[in-house]
N, C-alpha and C. Protein backbone atom coordinates (compact mmCIF):
# COMPACT_ATOMS: atom_id res chain seq x y z
N MET A 1 3.55 178.28 176.33
CA MET A 1 4.87 177.99 175.82
C MET A 1 4.55 177.75 174.14
N ALA A 2 5.53 178.46 173.43
CA ALA A 2 5.66 178.38 171.88
C ALA A 2 6.51 177.19 171.38
N SER A 3 6.13 176.96 170.55
CA SER A 3 6.96 175.77 169.99
C SER A 3 8.61 175.61 169.66
N ARG A 4 8.95 174.52 169.66
CA ARG A 4 10.58 174.67 169.56
C ARG A 4 10.82 175.12 168.20
N ARG A 5 9.93 175.07 167.37
CA ARG A 5 9.82 175.48 165.76
C ARG A 5 9.87 177.24 165.98
N LYS A 6 9.03 177.33 166.69
CA LYS A 6 8.64 179.02 166.68
C LYS A 6 10.43 179.41 167.83
N PHE A 7 10.84 178.86 168.30
CA PHE A 7 12.49 179.29 169.30
C PHE A 7 13.03 179.16 168.31
N LYS A 8 13.09 178.27 167.49
CA LYS A 8 14.15 178.57 166.47
C LYS A 8 14.09 179.21 165.29
N LYS A 9 13.09 179.47 164.89
CA LYS A 9 12.93 180.47 164.02
C LYS A 9 13.41 182.16 164.78
N ALA A 10 12.83 182.00 165.73
CA ALA A 10 13.14 183.46 166.68
C ALA A 10 14.59 183.72 166.81
N ILE A 11 15.65 182.51 167.29
CA ILE A 11 16.78 182.92 167.34
C ILE A 11 17.49 183.07 166.03
N LYS A 12 16.79 182.43 164.82
CA LYS A 12 17.40 182.72 163.21
C LYS A 12 17.16 184.16 162.94
N ASN A 13 15.69 184.65 163.01
CA ASN A 13 15.54 185.68 162.31
C ASN A 13 16.62 187.17 163.06
N LYS A 14 16.76 186.83 164.45
CA LYS A 14 17.48 187.96 165.42
C LYS A 14 18.80 187.64 165.35
N THR A 15 19.35 186.42 164.76
CA THR A 15 20.59 186.47 164.93
C THR A 15 21.13 186.65 163.11
N ASN A 16 20.18 186.93 162.24
CA ASN A 16 20.36 186.77 160.95
C ASN A 16 20.08 188.31 160.84
N PHE A 17 19.16 189.32 161.48
CA PHE A 17 19.23 190.59 161.65
C PHE A 17 20.71 191.34 161.97
N LEU A 18 20.97 190.73 163.14
CA LEU A 18 22.24 191.47 163.73
C LEU A 18 23.86 190.87 163.16
N ILE A 19 23.69 189.98 162.33
CA ILE A 19 24.92 189.73 160.84
C ILE A 19 24.71 190.49 160.32
N GLU A 20 23.20 191.06 159.35
CA GLU A 20 23.33 192.04 158.51
C GLU A 20 23.51 192.95 158.63
N ASP A 21 23.18 193.98 160.19
CA ASP A 21 23.79 194.95 160.48
C ASP A 21 25.58 195.10 160.52
N ALA A 22 25.80 194.06 161.28
CA ALA A 22 27.31 193.81 161.35
C ALA A 22 28.12 193.69 160.17
N PHE A 23 27.32 193.38 159.29
CA PHE A 23 28.12 193.13 157.64
C PHE A 23 28.08 194.70 157.11
N ILE A 24 26.84 195.32 157.31
CA ILE A 24 26.46 196.86 157.04
C ILE A 24 27.83 197.63 157.26
N GLU A 25 27.47 197.41 158.40
CA GLU A 25 29.25 198.44 159.24
C GLU A 25 29.97 197.93 158.69
N SER A 26 30.43 196.71 158.39
CA SER A 26 31.89 196.37 158.17
C SER A 26 31.99 197.28 156.53
N VAL A 27 31.03 197.04 155.97
CA VAL A 27 31.17 197.49 154.64
C VAL A 27 31.46 198.98 154.62
N ASN A 28 30.63 199.63 155.14
CA ASN A 28 30.69 201.04 155.21
C ASN A 28 32.06 201.71 156.07
N GLY A 29 32.42 200.86 156.77
CA GLY A 29 33.31 201.48 158.08
C GLY A 29 35.07 201.06 156.89
N ASP A 30 35.87 201.45 157.48
CA ASP A 30 37.57 201.44 157.53
C ASP A 30 37.64 200.16 157.90
N ALA A 31 38.94 199.62 157.39
CA ALA A 31 39.39 198.34 157.81
C ALA A 31 39.45 198.25 159.14
N LYS A 32 39.87 198.89 160.28
CA LYS A 32 39.67 198.34 161.87
C LYS A 32 38.28 197.80 162.04
N GLU A 33 36.95 199.20 161.53
CA GLU A 33 36.26 198.69 161.97
C GLU A 33 35.71 197.72 161.07
N ALA A 34 36.12 197.04 160.03
CA ALA A 34 35.45 195.60 159.19
C ALA A 34 35.79 194.56 160.00
N GLU A 35 37.39 194.59 160.62
CA GLU A 35 37.65 193.59 161.70
C GLU A 35 37.03 193.56 162.25
N LYS A 36 36.49 194.20 163.47
CA LYS A 36 35.84 194.59 164.92
C LYS A 36 34.35 193.75 164.13
N MET A 37 34.15 194.09 162.95
CA MET A 37 32.49 193.62 162.69
C MET A 37 32.62 192.31 162.47
N ASP A 38 33.95 191.80 161.95
CA ASP A 38 33.81 190.49 161.59
C ASP A 38 33.81 189.17 162.43
N GLU A 39 34.92 190.14 163.55
CA GLU A 39 34.70 189.55 165.33
C GLU A 39 33.33 188.98 165.82
N ILE A 40 32.43 189.89 165.41
CA ILE A 40 31.56 190.23 166.26
C ILE A 40 30.18 189.23 164.82
N ILE A 41 30.23 188.92 163.91
CA ILE A 41 29.89 188.36 163.20
C ILE A 41 29.98 187.20 163.53
N ASP A 42 31.13 186.65 164.03
CA ASP A 42 31.75 185.21 164.04
C ASP A 42 31.41 184.78 165.43
N GLN A 43 30.91 185.95 166.75
CA GLN A 43 30.38 185.76 167.68
C GLN A 43 28.85 185.42 167.72
N VAL A 44 28.32 186.21 166.99
CA VAL A 44 26.87 186.33 166.79
C VAL A 44 26.53 184.60 166.36
N ILE A 45 27.53 184.20 165.29
CA ILE A 45 27.34 182.70 164.55
C ILE A 45 27.52 181.59 165.91
N ASP A 46 28.26 181.91 166.78
CA ASP A 46 28.27 180.96 167.63
C ASP A 46 27.73 181.04 168.56
N TYR A 47 27.00 182.12 169.08
CA TYR A 47 25.84 182.01 169.99
C TYR A 47 24.48 181.28 169.32
N ARG A 48 24.32 181.68 167.88
CA ARG A 48 22.99 181.29 167.68
C ARG A 48 23.66 179.82 167.44
N ILE A 49 24.76 179.30 167.19
CA ILE A 49 24.46 177.65 167.34
C ILE A 49 24.21 176.96 168.95
N GLU A 50 24.90 177.47 169.63
CA GLU A 50 24.65 177.80 171.08
C GLU A 50 23.17 177.50 171.41
N MET A 51 22.32 178.70 170.93
CA MET A 51 20.87 178.87 171.52
C MET A 51 19.98 177.67 170.66
N LEU A 52 20.61 177.33 169.47
CA LEU A 52 19.81 176.23 168.99
C LEU A 52 20.37 175.08 169.19
N ASN A 53 21.28 174.61 169.56
CA ASN A 53 21.57 173.66 170.65
C ASN A 53 20.74 173.33 171.82
N LYS A 54 20.47 174.27 172.49
CA LYS A 54 19.88 174.28 174.07
C LYS A 54 18.41 174.37 173.74
N VAL A 55 17.65 174.86 172.64
CA VAL A 55 16.71 174.19 172.37
C VAL A 55 16.23 172.62 171.98
N CYS A 56 17.29 172.43 171.03
CA CYS A 56 17.00 170.90 171.15
C CYS A 56 17.60 170.27 172.39
N ALA A 57 18.21 170.47 173.13
CA ALA A 57 18.21 169.55 174.03
C ALA A 57 17.65 170.17 175.86
N TYR A 58 16.05 170.22 174.98
CA TYR A 58 15.20 170.66 176.56
C TYR A 58 14.86 169.51 177.34
N PRO A 59 14.90 169.56 178.59
CA PRO A 59 14.53 168.40 179.52
C PRO A 59 13.11 167.73 179.10
N ASN A 60 12.74 167.04 178.27
CA ASN A 60 11.79 166.29 177.87
C ASN A 60 11.60 165.42 179.09
N ARG A 61 12.00 164.41 179.71
CA ARG A 61 11.58 163.95 180.71
C ARG A 61 10.94 164.68 181.97
N GLU A 62 10.87 165.69 182.18
CA GLU A 62 10.91 166.51 183.41
C GLU A 62 9.64 166.62 183.34
N SER A 63 9.38 167.74 184.62
CA SER A 63 7.96 168.48 184.23
C SER A 63 7.67 169.40 183.58
N ARG A 64 6.19 169.60 183.32
CA ARG A 64 6.31 170.86 182.37
C ARG A 64 6.55 172.25 182.92
N ALA A 65 6.53 172.27 184.02
CA ALA A 65 6.85 173.56 184.86
C ALA A 65 8.32 173.81 184.38
N LYS A 66 9.56 172.24 184.74
CA LYS A 66 10.77 172.71 184.16
C LYS A 66 11.13 172.87 182.62
N ILE A 67 10.40 172.43 181.97
CA ILE A 67 10.27 172.52 180.34
C ILE A 67 9.64 174.16 180.38
N LYS A 68 9.47 174.50 181.13
CA LYS A 68 8.65 175.85 180.33
C LYS A 68 9.56 176.91 181.32
N ALA A 69 10.17 176.64 182.17
CA ALA A 69 11.52 177.36 182.86
C ALA A 69 12.84 177.16 181.90
N HIS A 70 12.58 175.84 181.31
CA HIS A 70 14.08 176.25 180.39
C HIS A 70 13.79 177.41 179.35
N PHE A 71 12.71 177.34 178.88
CA PHE A 71 12.27 177.89 177.48
C PHE A 71 12.32 179.10 177.58
N ASN A 72 11.97 179.41 178.61
CA ASN A 72 11.90 180.98 179.16
C ASN A 72 13.08 181.78 179.73
N THR A 73 14.08 180.71 180.11
CA THR A 73 15.35 181.37 180.29
C THR A 73 15.76 181.47 178.64
N ILE A 74 15.60 180.65 177.79
CA ILE A 74 16.32 180.98 176.74
C ILE A 74 16.30 182.07 175.98
N ALA A 75 14.64 181.93 175.92
CA ALA A 75 13.86 183.52 175.64
C ALA A 75 14.17 184.89 176.06
N SER A 76 14.90 185.07 177.44
CA SER A 76 15.27 186.29 178.14
C SER A 76 16.76 185.91 177.83
N ASN A 77 17.57 185.23 177.79
CA ASN A 77 18.80 185.23 177.47
C ASN A 77 19.37 185.65 175.92
N LEU A 78 17.66 185.34 174.88
CA LEU A 78 17.88 185.91 173.84
C LEU A 78 17.82 187.23 173.81
N GLU A 79 17.13 187.58 174.53
CA GLU A 79 16.73 189.28 174.23
C GLU A 79 17.80 189.56 174.76
N ALA A 80 18.81 189.54 175.49
CA ALA A 80 19.74 189.94 176.41
C ALA A 80 21.20 190.21 175.55
N LYS A 81 21.27 188.63 175.18
CA LYS A 81 22.24 189.23 174.11
C LYS A 81 22.10 189.59 172.68
N THR A 82 20.92 189.70 172.35
CA THR A 82 20.44 190.41 170.90
C THR A 82 20.73 191.97 171.09
N ALA A 83 20.23 192.79 172.45
CA ALA A 83 20.58 193.66 172.89
C ALA A 83 21.43 194.36 173.14
N ASP A 84 22.62 193.68 173.23
CA ASP A 84 24.17 193.54 173.69
C ASP A 84 25.02 193.80 172.44
N TYR A 85 24.45 192.72 172.06
CA TYR A 85 25.05 192.78 170.17
C TYR A 85 24.93 193.96 169.16
N THR A 86 23.43 194.13 169.66
CA THR A 86 22.91 195.66 168.85
C THR A 86 23.80 196.78 169.84
N LYS A 87 24.03 196.81 170.74
CA LYS A 87 24.94 197.69 171.11
C LYS A 87 26.17 197.72 170.94
N LYS A 88 27.12 196.35 170.75
CA LYS A 88 28.42 196.31 170.49
C LYS A 88 28.34 196.93 168.81
N ILE A 89 27.52 196.55 167.96
CA ILE A 89 27.16 196.59 166.27
C ILE A 89 26.76 198.42 166.44
N GLY A 90 26.51 198.73 167.44
CA GLY A 90 26.11 200.37 167.15
C GLY A 90 25.57 200.95 166.28
N ARG A 91 23.94 200.37 166.06
CA ARG A 91 22.75 200.48 165.52
C ARG A 91 21.59 200.05 166.40
N VAL A 92 21.14 201.09 166.18
CA VAL A 92 19.60 201.32 166.65
C VAL A 92 18.45 200.15 165.99
N GLY A 93 18.09 199.19 167.27
CA GLY A 93 16.86 198.03 166.14
C GLY A 93 15.92 198.05 166.73
């Protein structure tokens, strides 16, 4: 199991990558595309805050298996959501 610090860094790195891609698409696209990308950027930022809060609110008084399951769920959810947002942005990453 990785530390909470590593999970937080992974979340921040992946969401920063998504925000940068959406911003680049926003700048290179027309007004309609820029509006769509701004909405996606807002969603990614909200998702980032939600995931960081989940990392901080782990079940520390529970068994090791429950803690590990909690972090595994966060990791799989992060991978799924970043793939989803990558498809929405339209860039291969």
